[in-house]
Amino acid sequence: MIVARSVCFALEKLGSTPQEWEDAAACHDGDPAVGVAPRYAVADGATEAYDAIRWVDHLVTSFVAGAGPDLTSEGLRAWFEYVQQLWVAESPARFATVIEEHKFRSEGSFATFLGCRLTGLDGPQARWEAAALGDTVLFHIRGGRLLTHFPHLDVDGFGLSPDGVSTRPEALGPMLRGLALAHGELRVGDVLFIATDALAHWLLTETGAGSTSRHGSGTHSTGTHSTGTHSTGAHGTGRHATGGRGTGRKRDGLWADLTGIDHDATFAAIVADQRAAGRMRNDDVTLLRVQLVAAEPDALVVCL
């Protein structure tokens, strides 16, 4: 049997405070005893949107709560409608200004999103399933090498207007048309990373994997795609919940480095160094890591 072990690292953009971090992440490593599968979500709120921090928190916590939505077009349609309705139901009773109320009603909020669940960990067909809108990216690592990334963006696929989850009901149609779905097979020792755009772009650039958006073996994708809350170093949810055969060969050791991070300060130092060198854009960054390990026996019986 395979078990999942997750941890999340995050850092706000340079010049901002931790309270201004507009990403979010939520983790649930599952509970085999009651049949609850592991679920993970990462979102990146649009800075110009209304109350992006509340919206990303809303998305990730809803995704990992209970059984969560089915990762199908119909299952996600129902979930999108649910979170939009809940957003309105939990809106402020009164607004600080007329401008704020106008922005809430006319523009709403918006965030890129990637949700993932793991299934079959107790049998021979373990796999990950994921749904994405926008440029938050899942990376699947095996044996220290990138096996696949999803969505299948190249380094030019990160723009100023990515797809995402909107609070506006009229955006439901475009959201479903932009929705990307994928799945891949899992083994003991595999590692999954989910990264928001600035970090994902850097990873694709540094490993050379972003030189092509080709789909390869090992991942199956459906749908179309146009191109947190942070608990420091801990599993869980809340504010500060701190395709194909990989083509990258530039820095395979980078994946081992990221797998070995065991402290927020180490992650922050890596990000600071890359920002200072001009290799990583100054933006909020989030990295959710899920390691797949063999389950240990509940008890050891010794016969004398």
Foldseek 3Di string as FASTA:
>chain_A
DKWKDKFKFWDFFPPDDLVLALKQKFWDRADVVVPAWTKIKIKGWDPPAQPSNVLNQLVRVQQRPDNHFDPDLVRVLVVLVVSLVVCVVPDDPDDPDPVSVCRCPPPNIKIWMKMKTWPDLVHDFIKMKMKTWWAWKKFKDDPLFTFAMPPLAALVLHDPDTGTRGSDPVCSVVNSQAMKIKMFGDDAFMKMKTKDHLVVSLVCVQQVQRPDSDAAPGMDMDHHHPSRAQDCGAHGGHHNSSGGGGPGDRCSVVSVVVVPDRGNVVVVVVVVVCVVVVSTDRRIMMMMMMHMHDDDDPDDDDDD
